[in-house]
Amino acid sequence: MVIGRPRRTKGAGEVEALREQVQRARAAADAAAAASRAAKEEAGKERDDDGPTVQSEAPTARRSARYRVAVAATAVACIGAGALAVESTLDHRSAQQGVDADTRVLDFAEESVARLLSTDTDNAEVYVERVLADSTGDWRSEFEQRKTATIETMRGAGNRTAGKTLEAGIERREGGTTTVLVSATAQTTPATADPAAPPEPQVQQYQIRVGVTMVDDQPKLSSVGFVQ
């Protein structure tokens, strides 16, 4: 299971810019390597061309060739190190973005389940609209069909329930939906005709499996089921 709440990092635009930097750095490294090879070939040619008539110039030519080779090799090393550093940063940020996306899904799953379990006999319509706002797909259609019955049941019960999530973890990902297991409690305060003698609250614990689907970059519940 994935549980954790790291901070969010930069967006997709910056990641794409980093990819372009990596490509440019690699191209520059290839060019520097080619220059190094050319300098080495030139140095070898100058050594072959050295003869008795140019003995006084040969040391200078060799030093010049060796200098160009050293500069080219240093450029290759520096550019290659820069490319590796940028690529390492890119990989880290891509991984961090995946963690951030999972964290967002987990946060929503916990909050939406807490809202789902929190009922109030005096605000039944508000409860129904809140659940619908968190929903999409089959789950929304199903809840929409029984919202009238839900309102009537809540009003008839006359009690209040406070939902609280304890822990959540990602079970699997399939297509555009992430399945999350949520552990939660619901504390119900029964209705009473005697305010001076309120009944003891009743606490129940639940394991709930929910599907979270992104709709216009917003997480929504697409399925809800209790785990026995």
C-alpha atoms as a PDB file:
ATOM      1  CA  MET A   1       0.000   0.000   0.000  1.00  0.00           C
ATOM      2  CA  VAL A   2       1.083   3.547  -0.663  1.00  0.00           C
ATOM      3  CA  ILE A   3       0.711   5.775   2.368  1.00  0.00           C
ATOM      4  CA  GLY A   4       2.438   9.130   2.700  1.00  0.00           C
ATOM      5  CA  ARG A   5       1.989  12.804   2.230  1.00  0.00           C
ATOM      6  CA  PRO A   6       5.071  14.347   0.518  1.00  0.00           C
ATOM      7  CA  ARG A   7       4.917  17.875  -0.841  1.00  0.00           C
ATOM      8  CA  ARG A   8       4.062  18.541  -4.470  1.00  0.00           C
ATOM      9  CA  THR A   9       6.772  19.508  -6.934  1.00  0.00           C
ATOM     10  CA  LYS A  10       7.000  21.317 -10.262  1.00  0.00           C
ATOM     11  CA  GLY A  11       4.539  20.718 -13.078  1.00  0.00           C
ATOM     12  CA  ALA A  12       4.718  18.890 -16.391  1.00  0.00           C
ATOM     13  CA  GLY A  13       5.969  21.978 -18.257  1.00  0.00           C
ATOM     14  CA  GLU A  14       9.211  22.061 -16.312  1.00  0.00           C
ATOM     15  CA  VAL A  15       9.715  18.315 -16.744  1.00  0.00           C
ATOM     16  CA  GLU A  16       9.417  18.719 -20.521  1.00  0.00           C
ATOM     17  CA  ALA A  17      11.945  21.568 -20.408  1.00  0.00           C
ATOM     18  CA  LEU A  18      14.359  19.322 -18.516  1.00  0.00           C
ATOM     19  CA  ARG A  19      13.965  16.628 -21.164  1.00  0.00           C
ATOM     20  CA  GLU A  20      14.941  19.154 -23.818  1.00  0.00           C
ATOM     21  CA  GLN A  21      17.986  20.145 -21.741  1.00  0.00           C
ATOM     22  CA  VAL A  22      19.060  16.501 -21.581  1.00  0.00           C
ATOM     23  CA  GLN A  23      18.770  16.140 -25.350  1.00  0.00           C
ATOM     24  CA  ARG A  24      20.749  19.324 -25.971  1.00  0.00           C
ATOM     25  CA  ALA A  25      23.421  18.269 -23.472  1.00  0.00           C
ATOM     26  CA  ARG A  26      23.788  14.870 -25.123  1.00  0.00           C
ATOM     27  CA  ALA A  27      24.080  16.487 -28.562  1.00  0.00           C
ATOM     28  CA  ALA A  28      26.764  18.837 -27.248  1.00  0.00           C
ATOM     29  CA  ALA A  29      28.613  15.918 -25.663  1.00  0.00           C
ATOM     30  CA  ASP A  30      28.577  14.042 -28.980  1.00  0.00           C
ATOM     31  CA  ALA A  31      29.946  17.123 -30.759  1.00  0.00           C
ATOM     32  CA  ALA A  32      32.686  17.521 -28.145  1.00  0.00           C
ATOM     33  CA  ALA A  33      33.622  13.850 -28.472  1.00  0.00           C
ATOM     34  CA  ALA A  34      33.910  14.263 -32.244  1.00  0.00           C
ATOM     35  CA  ALA A  35      36.144  17.297 -31.731  1.00  0.00           C
ATOM     36  CA  SER A  36      38.323  15.292 -29.348  1.00  0.00           C
ATOM     37  CA  ARG A  37      38.735  12.497 -31.883  1.00  0.00           C
ATOM     38  CA  ALA A  38      39.610  15.010 -34.618  1.00  0.00           C
ATOM     39  CA  ALA A  39      42.205  16.645 -32.382  1.00  0.00           C
ATOM     40  CA  LYS A  40      43.808  13.281 -31.624  1.00  0.00           C
ATOM     41  CA  GLU A  41      43.946  12.422 -35.326  1.00  0.00           C
ATOM     42  CA  GLU A  42      45.536  15.796 -36.077  1.00  0.00           C
ATOM     43  CA  ALA A  43      48.110  15.251 -33.341  1.00  0.00           C
ATOM     44  CA  GLY A  44      49.005  11.877 -34.802  1.00  0.00           C
ATOM     45  CA  LYS A  45      49.320  13.352 -38.292  1.00  0.00           C
ATOM     46  CA  GLU A  46      51.607  16.111 -37.016  1.00  0.00           C
ATOM     47  CA  ARG A  47      53.852  13.515 -35.379  1.00  0.00           C
ATOM     48  CA  ASP A  48      54.033  11.559 -38.656  1.00  0.00           C
ATOM     49  CA  ASP A  49      54.895  14.720 -40.563  1.00  0.00           C
ATOM     50  CA  ASP A  50      57.722  15.715 -38.190  1.00  0.00           C
ATOM     51  CA  GLY A  51      61.133  15.535 -39.970  1.00  0.00           C
ATOM     52  CA  PRO A  52      64.678  16.911 -39.844  1.00  0.00           C
ATOM     53  CA  THR A  53      63.714  20.170 -41.505  1.00  0.00           C
ATOM     54  CA  VAL A  54      61.066  21.042 -38.953  1.00  0.00           C
ATOM     55  CA  GLN A  55      62.678  19.762 -35.746  1.00  0.00           C
ATOM     56  CA  SER A  56      62.499  23.195 -34.125  1.00  0.00           C
ATOM     57  CA  GLU A  57      58.757  23.455 -34.772  1.00  0.00           C
ATOM     58  CA  ALA A  58      57.777  19.868 -33.855  1.00  0.00           C
ATOM     59  CA  PRO A  59      57.683  20.326 -30.040  1.00  0.00           C
ATOM     60  CA  THR A  60      55.446  23.364 -30.420  1.00  0.00           C
ATOM     61  CA  ALA A  61      53.094  21.540 -32.818  1.00  0.00           C
ATOM     62  CA  ARG A  62      52.899  18.556 -30.488  1.00  0.00           C
ATOM     63  CA  ARG A  63      52.169  20.768 -27.494  1.00  0.00           C
ATOM     64  CA  SER A  64      49.439  22.538 -29.460  1.00  0.00           C
ATOM     65  CA  ALA A  65      47.838  19.259 -30.489  1.00  0.00           C
ATOM     66  CA  ARG A  66      48.035  17.858 -26.959  1.00  0.00           C
ATOM     67  CA  TYR A  67      46.448  21.053 -25.630  1.00  0.00           C
ATOM     68  CA  ARG A  68      43.528  20.772 -28.056  1.00  0.00           C
ATOM     69  CA  VAL A  69      43.038  17.131 -27.106  1.00  0.00           C
ATOM     70  CA  ALA A  70      43.022  18.007 -23.387  1.00  0.00           C
ATOM     71  CA  VAL A  71      40.511  20.829 -23.890  1.00  0.00           C
ATOM     72  CA  ALA A  72      38.203  18.631 -25.945  1.00  0.00           C
ATOM     73  CA  ALA A  73      38.406  15.809 -23.392  1.00  0.00           C
ATOM     74  CA  THR A  74      37.631  18.217 -20.558  1.00  0.00           C
ATOM     75  CA  ALA A  75      34.635  19.564 -22.487  1.00  0.00           C
ATOM     76  CA  VAL A  76      33.330  16.036 -23.013  1.00  0.00           C
ATOM     77  CA  ALA A  77      33.674  15.257 -19.304  1.00  0.00           C
ATOM     78  CA  CYS A  78      31.982  18.487 -18.192  1.00  0.00           C
ATOM     79  CA  ILE A  79      29.106  18.260 -20.652  1.00  0.00           C
ATOM     80  CA  GLY A  80      28.571  14.580 -19.910  1.00  0.00           C
ATOM     81  CA  ALA A  81      28.464  15.270 -16.173  1.00  0.00           C
ATOM     82  CA  GLY A  82      25.957  18.058 -16.764  1.00  0.00           C
ATOM     83  CA  ALA A  83      23.739  15.790 -18.863  1.00  0.00           C
ATOM     84  CA  LEU A  84      23.798  13.094 -16.173  1.00  0.00           C
ATOM     85  CA  ALA A  85      22.920  15.653 -13.489  1.00  0.00           C
ATOM     86  CA  VAL A  86      19.968  16.983 -15.491  1.00  0.00           C
ATOM     87  CA  GLU A  87      18.786  13.457 -16.302  1.00  0.00           C
ATOM     88  CA  SER A  88      19.023  12.475 -12.640  1.00  0.00           C
ATOM     89  CA  THR A  89      16.945  15.518 -11.691  1.00  0.00           C
ATOM     90  CA  LEU A  90      14.409  14.655 -14.387  1.00  0.00           C
ATOM     91  CA  ASP A  91      14.046  11.065 -13.146  1.00  0.00           C
ATOM     92  CA  HIS A  92      13.657  12.265  -9.556  1.00  0.00           C
ATOM     93  CA  ARG A  93      10.971  14.777 -10.462  1.00  0.00           C
ATOM     94  CA  SER A  94       9.080  12.272 -12.599  1.00  0.00           C
ATOM     95  CA  ALA A  95       9.062   9.837  -9.683  1.00  0.00           C
ATOM     96  CA  GLN A  96       8.021  12.608  -7.304  1.00  0.00           C
ATOM     97  CA  GLN A  97       5.116  13.540  -9.575  1.00  0.00           C
ATOM     98  CA  GLY A  98       3.878   9.961  -9.370  1.00  0.00           C
ATOM     99  CA  VAL A  99       4.032  10.111  -5.580  1.00  0.00           C
ATOM    100  CA  ASP A 100       2.193  13.448  -5.609  1.00  0.00           C
ATOM    101  CA  ALA A 101      -0.578  12.024  -7.805  1.00  0.00           C
ATOM    102  CA  ASP A 102      -0.998   9.054  -5.434  1.00  0.00           C
ATOM    103  CA  THR A 103      -1.080  11.385  -2.443  1.00  0.00           C
ATOM    104  CA  ARG A 104      -3.821  13.445  -4.040  1.00  0.00           C
ATOM    105  CA  VAL A 105      -5.896  10.311  -4.677  1.00  0.00           C
ATOM    106  CA  LEU A 106      -5.405   9.087  -1.097  1.00  0.00           C
ATOM    107  CA  ASP A 107      -6.311  12.452   0.389  1.00  0.00           C
ATOM    108  CA  PHE A 108      -9.503  12.602  -1.668  1.00  0.00           C
ATOM    109  CA  ALA A 109     -10.447   9.006  -0.832  1.00  0.00           C
ATOM    110  CA  GLU A 110     -10.097   9.669   2.901  1.00  0.00           C
ATOM    111  CA  GLU A 111     -12.030  12.945   2.779  1.00  0.00           C
ATOM    112  CA  SER A 112     -14.850  11.642   0.570  1.00  0.00           C
ATOM    113  CA  VAL A 113     -15.347   8.505   2.692  1.00  0.00           C
ATOM    114  CA  ALA A 114     -15.516  10.648   5.841  1.00  0.00           C
ATOM    115  CA  ARG A 115     -18.186  12.785   4.156  1.00  0.00           C
ATOM    116  CA  LEU A 116     -20.051   9.687   3.003  1.00  0.00           C
ATOM    117  CA  LEU A 117     -20.260   8.343   6.561  1.00  0.00           C
ATOM    118  CA  SER A 118     -21.217  11.683   8.127  1.00  0.00           C
ATOM    119  CA  THR A 119     -24.998  12.078   8.178  1.00  0.00           C
ATOM    120  CA  ASP A 120     -27.300  14.607   9.815  1.00  0.00           C
ATOM    121  CA  THR A 121     -31.051  14.183  10.094  1.00  0.00           C
ATOM    122  CA  ASP A 122     -31.553  17.957   9.847  1.00  0.00           C
ATOM    123  CA  ASN A 123     -29.466  18.351   6.685  1.00  0.00           C
ATOM    124  CA  ALA A 124     -30.362  15.340   4.591  1.00  0.00           C
ATOM    125  CA  GLU A 125     -30.579  17.280   1.305  1.00  0.00           C
ATOM    126  CA  VAL A 126     -27.169  18.854   1.894  1.00  0.00           C
ATOM    127  CA  TYR A 127     -25.701  15.411   2.553  1.00  0.00           C
ATOM    128  CA  VAL A 128     -27.091  14.016  -0.712  1.00  0.00           C
ATOM    129  CA  GLU A 129     -25.777  16.923  -2.782  1.00  0.00           C
ATOM    130  CA  ARG A 130     -22.367  16.614  -1.122  1.00  0.00           C
ATOM    131  CA  VAL A 131     -22.129  12.927  -1.992  1.00  0.00           C
ATOM    132  CA  LEU A 132     -23.223  13.562  -5.586  1.00  0.00           C
ATOM    133  CA  ALA A 133     -20.605  16.304  -5.947  1.00  0.00           C
ATOM    134  CA  ASP A 134     -17.909  13.744  -5.016  1.00  0.00           C
ATOM    135  CA  SER A 135     -19.220  11.093  -7.437  1.00  0.00           C
ATOM    136  CA  THR A 136     -19.067  10.045 -11.072  1.00  0.00           C
ATOM    137  CA  GLY A 137     -19.943   7.093 -13.302  1.00  0.00           C
ATOM    138  CA  ASP A 138     -21.963   4.115 -12.047  1.00  0.00           C
ATOM    139  CA  TRP A 139     -21.716   5.159  -8.411  1.00  0.00           C
ATOM    140  CA  ARG A 140     -23.217   8.574  -9.114  1.00  0.00           C
ATOM    141  CA  SER A 141     -26.012   7.068 -11.207  1.00  0.00           C
ATOM    142  CA  GLU A 142     -26.808   4.558  -8.479  1.00  0.00           C
ATOM    143  CA  PHE A 143     -26.851   7.162  -5.723  1.00  0.00           C
ATOM    144  CA  GLU A 144     -28.887   9.556  -7.864  1.00  0.00           C
ATOM    145  CA  GLN A 145     -31.598   6.909  -8.258  1.00  0.00           C
ATOM    146  CA  ARG A 146     -31.986   6.398  -4.520  1.00  0.00           C
ATOM    147  CA  LYS A 147     -31.368   9.904  -3.227  1.00  0.00           C
ATOM    148  CA  THR A 148     -35.062  10.441  -2.351  1.00  0.00           C
ATOM    149  CA  ALA A 149     -35.140   7.234  -0.324  1.00  0.00           C
ATOM    150  CA  THR A 150     -31.869   8.249   1.345  1.00  0.00           C
ATOM    151  CA  ILE A 151     -33.303  11.613   2.425  1.00  0.00           C
ATOM    152  CA  GLU A 152     -36.438   9.990   3.838  1.00  0.00           C
ATOM    153  CA  THR A 153     -34.436   7.375   5.728  1.00  0.00           C
ATOM    154  CA  MET A 154     -32.132   9.983   7.267  1.00  0.00           C
ATOM    155  CA  ARG A 155     -35.035  12.135   8.386  1.00  0.00           C
ATOM    156  CA  GLY A 156     -36.841   9.140   9.879  1.00  0.00           C
ATOM    157  CA  ALA A 157     -33.770   7.933  11.775  1.00  0.00           C
ATOM    158  CA  GLY A 158     -33.383  11.198  13.667  1.00  0.00           C
ATOM    159  CA  ASN A 159     -29.737  10.562  14.538  1.00  0.00           C
ATOM    160  CA  ARG A 160     -26.381  12.024  13.586  1.00  0.00           C
ATOM    161  CA  THR A 161     -23.263  10.201  12.509  1.00  0.00           C
ATOM    162  CA  ALA A 162     -19.712  11.531  12.373  1.00  0.00           C
ATOM    163  CA  GLY A 163     -17.410   9.703   9.965  1.00  0.00           C
ATOM    164  CA  LYS A 164     -13.654   9.570  10.460  1.00  0.00           C
ATOM    165  CA  THR A 165     -10.988   7.877   8.337  1.00  0.00           C
ATOM    166  CA  LEU A 166      -8.072   6.103  10.008  1.00  0.00           C
ATOM    167  CA  GLU A 167      -5.888   4.923   7.149  1.00  0.00           C
ATOM    168  CA  ALA A 168      -5.927   4.509   3.379  1.00  0.00           C
ATOM    169  CA  GLY A 169      -3.821   2.608   0.864  1.00  0.00           C
ATOM    170  CA  ILE A 170      -3.792   2.095  -2.894  1.00  0.00           C
ATOM    171  CA  GLU A 171      -4.745  -1.453  -3.828  1.00  0.00           C
ATOM    172  CA  ARG A 172      -4.384  -1.319  -7.625  1.00  0.00           C
ATOM    173  CA  ARG A 173      -4.611   0.853 -10.726  1.00  0.00           C
ATOM    174  CA  GLU A 174      -6.605  -0.133 -13.771  1.00  0.00           C
ATOM    175  CA  GLY A 175      -7.185   2.160 -16.724  1.00  0.00           C
ATOM    176  CA  GLY A 176      -8.001   5.593 -15.375  1.00  0.00           C
ATOM    177  CA  THR A 177      -9.259   4.330 -12.006  1.00  0.00           C
ATOM    178  CA  THR A 178      -7.301   3.839  -8.788  1.00  0.00           C
ATOM    179  CA  THR A 179      -8.766   1.437  -6.224  1.00  0.00           C
ATOM    180  CA  VAL A 180      -8.226   2.517  -2.626  1.00  0.00           C
ATOM    181  CA  LEU A 181      -8.916   0.651   0.615  1.00  0.00           C
ATOM    182  CA  VAL A 182     -10.024   2.936   3.436  1.00  0.00           C
ATOM    183  CA  SER A 183     -10.323   2.098   7.120  1.00  0.00           C
ATOM    184  CA  ALA A 184     -12.882   4.327   8.844  1.00  0.00           C
ATOM    185  CA  THR A 185     -15.150   4.684  11.860  1.00  0.00           C
ATOM    186  CA  ALA A 186     -18.651   6.094  12.204  1.00  0.00           C
ATOM    187  CA  GLN A 187     -19.819   7.423  15.573  1.00  0.00           C
ATOM    188  CA  THR A 188     -23.616   7.580  15.738  1.00  0.00           C
ATOM    189  CA  THR A 189     -25.514   9.615  18.316  1.00  0.00           C
ATOM    190  CA  PRO A 190     -29.059   8.209  18.538  1.00  0.00           C
ATOM    191  CA  ALA A 191     -32.082  10.493  18.760  1.00  0.00           C
ATOM    192  CA  THR A 192     -33.518  11.026  22.249  1.00  0.00           C
ATOM    193  CA  ALA A 193     -36.618  12.629  23.696  1.00  0.00           C
ATOM    194  CA  ASP A 194     -34.804  13.472  26.923  1.00  0.00           C
ATOM    195  CA  PRO A 195     -31.919  15.931  26.422  1.00  0.00           C
ATOM    196  CA  ALA A 196     -30.983  15.486  30.086  1.00  0.00           C
ATOM    197  CA  ALA A 197     -30.192  11.823  29.528  1.00  0.00           C
ATOM    198  CA  PRO A 198     -28.453  11.513  26.138  1.00  0.00           C
ATOM    199  CA  PRO A 199     -27.682   7.962  24.990  1.00  0.00           C
ATOM    200  CA  GLU A 200     -24.154   6.707  24.617  1.00  0.00           C
ATOM    201  CA  PRO A 201     -22.727   7.149  21.100  1.00  0.00           C
ATOM    202  CA  GLN A 202     -22.302   3.969  19.094  1.00  0.00           C
ATOM    203  CA  VAL A 203     -19.074   3.469  17.163  1.00  0.00           C
ATOM    204  CA  GLN A 204     -18.699   1.150  14.207  1.00  0.00           C
ATOM    205  CA  GLN A 205     -15.595   0.439  12.166  1.00  0.00           C
ATOM    206  CA  TYR A 206     -15.652  -0.116   8.410  1.00  0.00           C
ATOM    207  CA  GLN A 207     -13.319  -1.242   5.657  1.00  0.00           C
ATOM    208  CA  ILE A 208     -14.415   0.449   2.446  1.00  0.00           C
ATOM    209  CA  ARG A 209     -13.114  -0.093  -1.083  1.00  0.00           C
ATOM    210  CA  VAL A 210     -13.540   2.905  -3.383  1.00  0.00           C
ATOM    211  CA  GLY A 211     -12.619   3.607  -6.979  1.00  0.00           C
ATOM    212  CA  VAL A 212     -11.185   7.054  -7.682  1.00  0.00           C
ATOM    213  CA  THR A 213     -11.394   8.373 -11.252  1.00  0.00           C
ATOM    214  CA  MET A 214     -10.106  11.733 -12.496  1.00  0.00           C
ATOM    215  CA  VAL A 215     -12.753  13.878 -14.219  1.00  0.00           C
ATOM    216  CA  ASP A 216     -11.435  17.134 -15.705  1.00  0.00           C
ATOM    217  CA  ASP A 217      -8.375  16.773 -13.454  1.00  0.00           C
ATOM    218  CA  GLN A 218     -10.608  16.398 -10.382  1.00  0.00           C
ATOM    219  CA  PRO A 219     -10.799  13.143  -8.382  1.00  0.00           C
ATOM    220  CA  LYS A 220     -14.250  11.579  -8.089  1.00  0.00           C
ATOM    221  CA  LEU A 221     -15.647   8.403  -6.528  1.00  0.00           C
ATOM    222  CA  SER A 222     -16.664   6.003  -9.297  1.00  0.00           C
ATOM    223  CA  SER A 223     -17.421   3.002  -7.044  1.00  0.00           C
ATOM    224  CA  VAL A 224     -18.040   2.344  -3.345  1.00  0.00           C
ATOM    225  CA  GLY A 225     -18.256  -0.989  -1.561  1.00  0.00           C
ATOM    226  CA  PHE A 226     -17.964  -2.299   1.988  1.00  0.00           C
ATOM    227  CA  VAL A 227     -15.369  -5.007   2.607  1.00  0.00           C
ATOM    228  CA  GLN A 228     -16.685  -7.871   4.724  1.00  0.00           C
END
